[in-house]
Protein backbone atom coordinates (compact mmCIF):
# COMPACT_ATOMS: atom_id res chain seq x y z
CA UNK A 1 -13.34 -7.96 25.98
CA UNK A 2 -9.80 -9.32 25.51
CA UNK A 3 -7.12 -7.28 23.75
CA UNK A 4 -7.10 -9.87 20.96
CA UNK A 5 -10.90 -9.57 20.42
CA UNK A 6 -10.66 -5.82 20.72
CA UNK A 7 -7.96 -5.82 18.05
CA UNK A 8 -10.01 -7.89 15.64
CA UNK A 9 -13.09 -5.77 16.26
CA UNK A 10 -11.11 -2.64 15.45
CA UNK A 11 -9.78 -4.30 12.31
CA UNK A 12 -13.31 -5.12 11.22
CA UNK A 13 -14.13 -1.42 11.14
CA UNK A 14 -10.81 -0.52 9.53
CA UNK A 15 -9.01 0.78 12.64
CA UNK A 16 -5.69 -0.13 14.14
CA UNK A 17 -5.82 -3.60 15.64
CA UNK A 18 -3.95 -4.72 18.74
CA UNK A 19 -3.39 -8.39 17.96
CA UNK A 20 -1.67 -8.68 21.32
CA UNK A 21 -1.22 -6.15 24.15
CA UNK A 22 1.49 -4.09 22.56
CA UNK A 23 2.80 -2.46 25.69
CA UNK A 24 6.46 -2.89 24.87
CA UNK A 25 8.40 -3.65 28.03
CA UNK A 26 12.11 -3.43 28.50
CA UNK A 27 12.66 -7.09 27.58
CA UNK A 28 10.22 -7.19 24.61
CA UNK A 29 10.91 -7.02 20.89
CA UNK A 30 8.29 -4.91 19.14
CA UNK A 31 7.16 -6.17 15.72
CA UNK A 32 4.50 -4.34 13.69
CA UNK A 33 2.09 -6.08 11.26
CA UNK A 34 0.69 -4.09 8.32
CA UNK A 35 -2.51 -5.89 7.39
CA UNK A 36 -5.74 -5.61 5.45
CA UNK A 37 -8.63 -7.41 7.01
CA UNK A 38 -11.15 -5.18 5.20
CA UNK A 39 -11.91 -4.16 1.69
CA UNK A 40 -11.68 -6.02 -1.69
CA UNK A 41 -8.26 -7.58 -0.80
CA UNK A 42 -9.39 -8.91 2.61
CA UNK A 43 -10.08 -12.49 1.42
CA UNK A 44 -6.34 -12.81 0.74
CA UNK A 45 -5.05 -10.41 3.37
CA UNK A 46 -6.81 -12.11 6.29
CA UNK A 47 -5.27 -15.60 6.15
CA UNK A 48 -1.77 -14.15 5.59
CA UNK A 49 -2.21 -11.83 8.62
CA UNK A 50 -3.48 -14.77 10.71
CA UNK A 51 -0.40 -16.82 9.93
CA UNK A 52 1.92 -13.90 10.77
CA UNK A 53 0.52 -13.28 14.25
CA UNK A 54 -0.15 -16.94 15.07
CA UNK A 55 3.55 -17.70 14.60
CA UNK A 56 4.55 -14.88 16.92
CA UNK A 57 1.96 -16.09 19.44
CA UNK A 58 3.38 -19.62 19.26
CA UNK A 59 6.90 -18.35 19.88
CA UNK A 60 5.67 -16.53 23.00
CA UNK A 61 3.51 -19.37 24.24
CA UNK A 62 5.90 -22.24 23.54
CA UNK A 63 9.31 -20.69 24.06
CA UNK A 64 8.65 -17.58 26.16
CA UNK A 65 9.80 -15.46 23.26
CA UNK A 66 12.99 -15.44 21.15
CA UNK A 67 15.69 -16.65 23.62
CA UNK A 68 13.61 -15.18 26.46
CA UNK A 69 12.71 -11.92 24.68
CA UNK A 70 8.95 -11.77 24.35
CA UNK A 71 7.41 -10.49 21.12
CA UNK A 72 5.08 -7.50 21.44
CA UNK A 73 3.12 -7.03 18.26
CA UNK A 74 0.49 -4.71 16.87
CA UNK A 75 -1.54 -4.74 13.67
CA UNK A 76 -2.30 -1.68 11.62
CA UNK A 77 -5.03 -1.77 8.88
CA UNK A 78 -3.84 -0.46 5.52
CA UNK A 79 -6.68 -1.62 3.22
CA UNK A 80 -3.75 -2.20 0.68
CA UNK A 81 -3.58 1.59 0.26
CA UNK A 82 -0.13 3.09 -0.01
CA UNK A 83 -0.92 6.26 1.89
CA UNK A 84 -2.44 4.26 4.78
CA UNK A 85 0.59 1.94 4.74
CA UNK A 86 2.93 4.92 5.13
CA UNK A 87 0.74 6.26 7.96
CA UNK A 88 0.96 2.90 9.76
CA UNK A 89 4.73 2.86 9.29
CA UNK A 90 5.11 6.37 10.77
CA UNK A 91 2.84 5.46 13.69
CA UNK A 92 4.58 2.19 14.57
CA UNK A 93 8.22 2.65 13.66
CA UNK A 94 9.24 4.17 17.00
CA UNK A 95 7.27 1.81 19.28
CA UNK A 96 9.02 -0.48 21.75
CA UNK A 97 12.25 0.06 23.69
CA UNK A 98 14.32 -0.32 20.51
CA UNK A 99 11.75 0.67 17.85
CA UNK A 100 10.17 -1.61 15.28
CA UNK A 101 12.30 -4.62 14.52
CA UNK A 102 11.28 -4.88 10.84
CA UNK A 103 8.28 -4.18 8.64
CA UNK A 104 6.50 -6.46 6.16
CA UNK A 105 4.37 -4.13 3.96
CA UNK A 106 2.40 -6.88 2.14
CA UNK A 107 2.10 -4.47 -0.84
CA UNK A 108 4.52 -3.62 -3.56
CA UNK A 109 3.17 -0.06 -3.66
CA UNK A 110 3.79 0.41 0.08
CA UNK A 111 7.19 -1.22 -0.37
CA UNK A 112 8.13 1.35 -3.03
CA UNK A 113 7.09 4.16 -0.67
CA UNK A 114 8.92 2.75 2.38
CA UNK A 115 12.06 1.99 0.42
CA UNK A 116 12.67 5.72 0.49
CA UNK A 117 12.13 5.97 4.24
CA UNK A 118 13.84 2.92 5.87
CA UNK A 119 17.44 3.98 5.12
CA UNK A 120 16.99 7.01 7.34
CA UNK A 121 15.16 5.06 10.06
CA UNK A 122 17.42 2.02 9.81
CA UNK A 123 14.56 -0.52 9.78
CA UNK A 124 14.60 -3.61 7.47
CA UNK A 125 11.77 -4.42 5.06
CA UNK A 126 10.91 -8.10 4.66
CA UNK A 127 9.06 -8.45 1.35
CA UNK A 128 8.46 -12.16 0.93
CA UNK A 129 8.02 -12.86 -2.77
CA UNK A 130 7.01 -9.29 -3.65
CA UNK A 131 8.42 -5.74 -3.84
CA UNK A 132 11.16 -4.34 -6.01
CA UNK A 133 12.76 -7.14 -8.01
CA UNK A 134 16.08 -5.29 -8.21
CA UNK A 135 16.25 -5.17 -4.37
CA UNK A 136 17.88 -8.54 -4.51
CA UNK A 137 21.05 -6.40 -4.82
CA UNK A 138 21.87 -5.69 -1.17
CA UNK A 139 24.69 -3.35 -2.15
CA UNK A 140 22.16 -0.79 -3.34
CA UNK A 141 19.14 -1.84 -1.26
CA UNK A 142 20.65 -2.60 2.17
CA UNK A 143 17.30 -2.48 4.00
CA UNK A 144 15.10 -4.49 1.57
CA UNK A 145 14.93 -8.31 1.78
CA UNK A 146 12.94 -9.83 -1.09
CA UNK A 147 13.34 -13.36 0.30
CA UNK A 148 12.45 -16.49 -1.67
CA UNK A 149 11.78 -14.91 -5.05
CA UNK A 150 10.97 -11.80 -7.03
CA UNK A 151 8.35 -11.18 -9.71
CA UNK A 152 11.13 -11.59 -12.25
CA UNK A 153 11.73 -15.04 -10.78
CA UNK A 154 8.02 -15.73 -11.17
CA UNK A 155 7.87 -14.52 -14.76
CA UNK A 156 10.81 -16.71 -15.80
CA UNK A 157 9.43 -19.81 -14.05
CA UNK A 158 6.01 -19.31 -15.63
CA UNK A 159 7.55 -19.15 -19.08
CA UNK A 160 9.62 -22.24 -18.37
CA UNK A 161 6.48 -24.12 -17.41
CA UNK A 162 4.64 -23.05 -20.51
CA UNK A 163 7.62 -24.09 -22.61
CA UNK A 164 7.57 -27.51 -20.97
CA UNK A 165 3.84 -27.94 -21.70
CA UNK A 166 4.58 -26.96 -25.32
CA UNK A 167 7.41 -29.48 -25.66
CA UNK A 168 10.39 -27.14 -25.31
CA UNK A 169 11.65 -23.51 -25.40
CA UNK A 170 11.98 -23.66 -29.18
CA UNK A 171 8.23 -24.13 -29.47
CA UNK A 172 7.56 -20.73 -27.85
CA UNK A 173 8.56 -18.97 -31.05
CA UNK A 174 5.58 -17.31 -32.65
CA UNK A 175 3.23 -18.10 -29.78
CA UNK A 176 1.12 -15.46 -28.00
CA UNK A 177 1.33 -14.95 -24.22
CA UNK A 178 -0.70 -12.24 -22.47
CA UNK A 179 -0.41 -10.83 -19.01
CA UNK A 180 -3.62 -9.72 -17.23
CA UNK A 181 -2.25 -7.57 -14.39
CA UNK A 182 -3.40 -5.42 -11.49
CA UNK A 183 -2.62 -1.82 -12.67
CA UNK A 184 -0.31 -1.00 -9.78
CA UNK A 185 3.41 -1.37 -8.99
CA UNK A 186 2.68 -5.00 -8.11
CA UNK A 187 1.13 -5.87 -11.42
CA UNK A 188 3.61 -3.86 -13.47
CA UNK A 189 6.68 -5.43 -11.89
CA UNK A 190 6.99 -8.57 -14.13
CA UNK A 191 6.51 -6.71 -17.42
CA UNK A 192 10.20 -5.89 -18.03
CA UNK A 193 11.19 -9.54 -17.40
CA UNK A 194 8.42 -10.82 -19.69
CA UNK A 195 9.48 -8.38 -22.46
CA UNK A 196 13.06 -9.62 -22.13
CA UNK A 197 11.89 -13.24 -22.27
CA UNK A 198 9.68 -12.52 -25.31
CA UNK A 199 12.67 -11.06 -27.09
CA UNK A 200 14.87 -14.03 -26.15
CA UNK A 201 12.40 -16.81 -26.87
CA UNK A 202 10.49 -15.28 -29.79
CA UNK A 203 6.96 -15.21 -28.45
CA UNK A 204 4.50 -12.33 -28.79
CA UNK A 205 3.83 -10.62 -25.49
CA UNK A 206 0.89 -8.36 -24.59
CA UNK A 207 0.22 -6.68 -21.24
CA UNK A 208 -3.41 -6.02 -20.31
CA UNK A 209 -4.06 -3.80 -17.26
CA UNK A 210 -6.98 -4.16 -14.89
CA UNK A 211 -8.03 -1.18 -12.76
CA UNK A 212 -8.19 -1.48 -8.95
CA UNK A 213 -9.80 -3.44 -7.37
CA UNK A 214 -10.38 -5.70 -10.34
CA UNK A 215 -14.08 -6.43 -10.35
CA UNK A 216 -14.53 -5.04 -13.87
CA UNK A 217 -12.73 -7.17 -16.45
CA UNK A 218 -15.25 -7.86 -19.18
CA UNK A 219 -13.52 -5.80 -21.83
CA UNK A 220 -10.14 -7.37 -21.08
CA UNK A 221 -11.46 -10.90 -21.48
CA UNK A 222 -13.42 -10.05 -24.59
CA UNK A 223 -10.15 -8.76 -26.03
CA UNK A 224 -8.52 -12.00 -25.05
CA UNK A 225 -11.26 -14.02 -26.77
CA UNK A 226 -10.64 -12.02 -29.94
CA UNK A 227 -6.81 -12.19 -29.73
CA UNK A 228 -6.73 -15.87 -28.72
CA UNK A 229 -3.37 -16.02 -26.87
CA UNK A 230 -1.89 -19.45 -26.29
CA UNK A 231 -1.52 -18.72 -22.55
CA UNK A 232 -2.57 -16.00 -20.13
CA UNK A 233 -0.56 -15.04 -17.05
CA UNK A 234 -2.53 -13.58 -14.16
CA UNK A 235 -1.00 -11.05 -11.75
CA UNK A 236 -3.99 -10.35 -9.58
CA UNK A 237 -4.82 -9.96 -5.90
CA UNK A 238 -7.91 -10.26 -3.83
CA UNK A 239 -11.25 -10.21 -5.66
CA UNK A 240 -9.49 -9.64 -8.98
CA UNK A 241 -8.38 -13.28 -9.12
CA UNK A 242 -11.72 -15.03 -8.83
CA UNK A 243 -13.22 -12.41 -11.10
CA UNK A 244 -10.62 -13.18 -13.78
CA UNK A 245 -11.41 -16.87 -13.61
CA UNK A 246 -15.16 -16.22 -13.94
CA UNK A 247 -14.66 -13.84 -16.89
CA UNK A 248 -12.35 -16.37 -18.58
CA UNK A 249 -15.10 -18.94 -18.23
CA UNK A 250 -17.65 -16.48 -19.67
CA UNK A 251 -15.62 -16.13 -22.89
CA UNK A 252 -14.74 -19.88 -22.90
CA UNK A 253 -11.00 -19.27 -22.40
CA UNK A 254 -9.57 -22.56 -21.07
CA UNK A 255 -8.63 -22.25 -17.40
CA UNK A 256 -5.79 -24.73 -17.82
CA UNK A 257 -4.10 -22.15 -20.12
CA UNK A 258 -4.06 -19.55 -17.31
CA UNK A 259 -1.14 -19.47 -14.87
CA UNK A 260 -1.38 -17.12 -11.91
CA UNK A 261 1.58 -15.72 -9.91
CA UNK A 262 1.95 -17.09 -6.38
CA UNK A 263 -0.29 -14.28 -5.07
CA UNK A 264 -3.06 -15.57 -7.37
CA UNK A 265 -2.83 -19.18 -6.22
CA UNK A 266 -4.69 -19.51 -2.90
CA UNK A 267 -8.08 -20.84 -1.82
CA UNK A 268 -9.88 -17.45 -1.94
CA UNK A 269 -8.84 -17.09 -5.61
CA UNK A 270 -10.65 -20.25 -6.79
CA UNK A 271 -13.39 -21.21 -4.35
CA UNK A 272 -15.67 -18.24 -5.29
CA UNK A 273 -15.46 -19.31 -8.97
CA UNK A 274 -16.79 -22.82 -8.19
CA UNK A 275 -16.42 -25.37 -10.94
CA UNK A 276 -15.31 -22.65 -13.33
CA UNK A 277 -11.94 -22.68 -11.60
CA UNK A 278 -11.19 -26.34 -12.27
CA UNK A 279 -7.95 -26.69 -14.19
CA UNK A 280 -6.61 -23.22 -13.25
CA UNK A 281 -2.88 -23.19 -12.47
CA UNK A 282 -0.71 -20.99 -10.32
CA UNK A 283 2.87 -20.69 -9.18
CA UNK A 284 3.88 -21.67 -5.71
CA UNK A 285 6.32 -19.64 -3.60
CA UNK A 286 7.89 -23.01 -2.86
CA UNK A 287 5.35 -24.00 -0.19
CA UNK A 288 1.90 -25.68 -0.62
CA UNK A 289 -1.26 -25.64 1.39
CA UNK A 290 -1.76 -28.26 4.12
CA UNK A 291 -0.44 -28.99 7.57
CA UNK A 292 3.19 -29.78 8.32
CA UNK A 293 5.31 -30.33 11.42
CA UNK A 294 5.08 -26.69 12.50
CA UNK A 295 1.30 -26.89 12.57
CA UNK A 296 1.39 -29.37 15.45
CA UNK A 297 2.78 -26.63 17.66
CA UNK A 298 0.38 -24.03 16.20
CA UNK A 299 -2.49 -26.31 17.12
CA UNK A 300 -1.11 -27.09 20.60
CA UNK A 301 0.03 -23.68 21.71
CA UNK A 302 -2.22 -21.33 19.76
CA UNK A 303 -5.41 -22.92 18.48
CA UNK A 304 -6.08 -25.13 21.50
CA UNK A 305 -5.57 -22.16 23.81
CA UNK A 306 -8.08 -20.12 21.75
CA UNK A 307 -5.34 -17.64 20.87
CA UNK A 308 -5.45 -18.05 17.06
CA UNK A 309 -6.25 -14.97 15.00
CA UNK A 310 -8.20 -17.28 12.64
CA UNK A 311 -8.23 -21.02 13.35
CA UNK A 312 -10.46 -21.58 10.24
CA UNK A 313 -7.58 -20.46 8.00
CA UNK A 314 -4.84 -22.70 9.49
CA UNK A 315 -3.14 -24.65 6.71
CA UNK A 316 -4.36 -22.52 3.88
CA UNK A 317 -1.84 -21.34 1.25
CA UNK A 318 -1.66 -17.76 2.54
CA UNK A 319 -1.82 -18.72 6.20
CA UNK A 320 1.24 -20.87 5.63
CA UNK A 321 2.98 -18.01 3.83
CA UNK A 322 2.27 -15.84 6.87
CA UNK A 323 3.90 -18.43 9.10
CA UNK A 324 6.93 -18.48 6.82
CA UNK A 325 7.11 -14.66 6.82
CA UNK A 326 7.25 -14.55 10.63
CA UNK A 327 9.58 -17.55 10.85
CA UNK A 328 12.11 -15.72 8.67
CA UNK A 329 11.86 -12.56 10.82
CA UNK A 330 12.19 -14.55 14.07
CA UNK A 331 15.16 -16.47 12.77
CA UNK A 332 16.84 -13.22 11.59
CA UNK A 333 16.40 -11.85 15.13
CA UNK A 334 17.72 -15.10 16.61
CA UNK A 335 20.73 -14.88 14.29
CA UNK A 336 21.37 -11.28 15.27
CA UNK A 337 21.15 -12.18 18.98
CA UNK A 338 24.19 -14.42 18.54
CA UNK A 339 26.20 -11.25 17.84
CA UNK A 340 24.42 -8.65 19.90
CA UNK A 341 22.98 -10.63 22.85
CA UNK A 342 19.63 -12.00 23.94
CA UNK A 343 17.89 -8.66 24.31
CA UNK A 344 15.55 -6.47 22.26
CA UNK A 345 17.45 -5.42 19.17
CA UNK A 346 17.39 -2.37 16.92
CA UNK A 347 16.39 -2.54 13.27
CA UNK A 348 20.01 -2.05 12.31
CA UNK A 349 21.06 -5.03 14.37
CA UNK A 350 18.25 -7.12 12.96
CA UNK A 351 19.39 -6.18 9.44
CA UNK A 352 22.66 -7.90 10.28
CA UNK A 353 20.60 -10.94 11.25
CA UNK A 354 18.85 -11.00 7.90
CA UNK A 355 22.12 -10.63 6.04
CA UNK A 356 23.60 -13.56 7.95
CA UNK A 357 20.44 -15.74 7.89
CA UNK A 358 21.38 -19.32 6.98
CA UNK A 359 18.51 -21.79 7.14
CA UNK A 360 19.96 -25.25 6.40
CA UNK A 361 17.81 -28.30 5.70
CA UNK A 362 18.51 -29.47 9.22
CA UNK A 363 17.44 -26.13 10.74
CA UNK A 364 14.25 -26.07 8.65
CA UNK A 365 13.45 -29.54 9.96
CA UNK A 366 13.95 -28.37 13.56
CA UNK A 367 11.61 -25.49 12.92
CA UNK A 368 8.96 -27.71 11.34
CA UNK A 369 9.26 -26.28 7.81
CA UNK A 370 11.18 -29.13 6.14
CA UNK A 371 8.50 -29.97 3.56
CA UNK A 372 7.57 -26.35 2.93
CA UNK A 373 10.86 -24.72 2.04
CA UNK A 374 14.25 -25.44 0.59
CA UNK A 375 17.37 -24.16 2.41
CA UNK A 376 17.76 -20.39 2.30
CA UNK A 377 20.86 -18.27 2.74
CA UNK A 378 20.99 -14.49 2.50
CA UNK A 379 24.04 -12.28 2.41
CA UNK A 380 25.17 -8.66 2.21
CA UNK A 381 25.00 -8.76 -1.61
CA UNK A 382 22.14 -11.23 -2.08
CA UNK A 383 18.94 -10.25 -0.30
CA UNK A 384 16.80 -12.86 -2.06
CA UNK A 385 18.50 -16.14 -1.47
CA UNK A 386 16.26 -18.27 -3.70
CA UNK A 387 15.00 -18.31 -7.29
CA UNK A 388 12.83 -21.44 -7.31
CA UNK A 389 9.17 -22.14 -7.67
CA UNK A 390 6.70 -24.88 -8.53
CA UNK A 391 3.30 -25.02 -10.24
CA UNK A 392 0.06 -26.19 -8.75
CA UNK A 393 -3.39 -26.83 -10.29
CA UNK A 394 -6.85 -26.56 -8.76
CA UNK A 395 -8.95 -29.73 -9.18
CA UNK A 396 -12.19 -28.26 -7.74
CA UNK A 397 -11.41 -29.30 -4.15
CA UNK A 398 -7.75 -28.79 -3.54
CA UNK A 399 -4.45 -27.62 -5.02
CA UNK A 400 -2.37 -30.37 -6.60
CA UNK A 401 1.37 -29.94 -7.28
CA UNK A 402 1.99 -30.67 -10.96
CA UNK A 403 5.68 -29.80 -11.41
CA UNK A 404 9.07 -30.21 -9.90
CA UNK A 405 11.00 -27.13 -8.80
CA UNK A 406 12.02 -24.73 -11.58
CA UNK A 407 15.08 -22.51 -11.10
CA UNK A 408 14.94 -19.11 -12.73
CA UNK A 409 17.49 -18.28 -15.40
CA UNK A 410 19.96 -16.11 -13.46
CA UNK A 411 22.08 -15.51 -16.59
CA UNK A 412 19.15 -13.38 -17.76
CA UNK A 413 17.82 -12.03 -14.45
CA UNK A 414 20.96 -11.17 -12.50
CA UNK A 415 22.24 -8.69 -15.14
CA UNK A 416 18.80 -7.08 -15.10
CA UNK A 417 18.99 -6.79 -11.31
CA UNK A 418 22.43 -5.19 -11.46
CA UNK A 419 21.50 -2.82 -14.25
CA UNK A 420 18.24 -1.67 -12.65
CA UNK A 421 19.78 -1.34 -9.21
CA UNK A 422 22.64 0.70 -10.67
CA UNK A 423 20.16 3.07 -12.34
CA UNK A 424 18.34 3.48 -8.98
CA UNK A 425 21.66 4.16 -7.20
CA UNK A 426 22.56 6.83 -9.76
CA UNK A 427 19.11 8.45 -9.54
CA UNK A 428 19.11 8.53 -5.75
CA UNK A 429 22.83 9.34 -5.51
CA UNK A 430 23.52 6.17 -3.52
CA UNK A 431 27.04 4.86 -3.21
CA UNK A 432 26.71 1.00 -3.31
CA UNK A 433 28.18 -0.82 -0.34
CA UNK A 434 31.38 -2.79 -0.61
CA UNK A 435 30.25 -6.11 0.85
CA UNK A 436 33.79 -7.36 1.12
CA UNK A 437 34.19 -4.89 4.01
CA UNK A 438 30.97 -5.91 5.77
CA UNK A 439 31.23 -8.25 8.76
């Protein structure tokens, strides 16, 4: 049995998966992958994990690694559980000749836990569109990179889209907007932003928790039927999303009045609900489903060589997000190599690469991501780099983009970021960095 098949077999029984032989040699960069291919969140975790490792495989197969430095990678099954995520981190952080290059927890709960650990270990966290919203502030969170957008970004964009459908911000006054959320750090993250928006725009906001894993929602949707909100926002994950759509249909709540966050807007969220999902809307973390220029090389160097972790998921929303996740990490390493040399780098060196990551439109085109992402630039003080999103709608067969890009209201969100980050710094006795002295 090949190492890849062995890894997937181990994942299927909840063990640690070797997605590639992870024998880190002297000229290899070790990259861990925290995944969940099992449990109630697997329908969403699997395609993301496939995209992550397929991009690394492509870099190895097509380019011989990152400027000649091969990527050695290893999966560790978390089941979306914070304690398992921490165990995986502790097990993998020291692997390789220079230790783990960076971690992507794929869980806000795991992100919260690891935020306390990575400063001591000097390993960056790449939390693509999730995690602590205030970690945009790199002066307080030097190791967290919440690239592309936070849940506060998502909350603001969702309200902007609702306002547009209602004919303007002024028409939000007196309306009811409810949030059905996964009762975890992930689901709770947008609440403070939505409360601030409700106060600013005059709508009535109600937050409705759903207990893990989200298969029991009847009481929540019966309450929604009674309360009759004008819109419902959905912050779900895994089986919770399709369950929410089915329960909305059961109480005759219109699906076109539901807007999911970008983790509630993939194929596994709607296909199980069948025709009941038609009309459902969700935010996009910029990118859509489908195949783009990068997929030609994925097909040639990974799928055609039978090295894909899941060829049946190529081009799906979350597979594409996994590609983006790994591309950002690879480009951060490539950026850091310009300063430190074409060799395996430490987490601290790779952090410099993230803070100096500058993906222009021309560079995104070279990488094959031109139609998936807008230019992105991170810095010492700004670890997010983007505050934009679009809206898509499910027509029963595919996702259709129904909006232009919205830009979040930074006059509202940036002061929230600064205030919350400052409170965290005071609580943890952290002295914020002076980015003017960073090089």
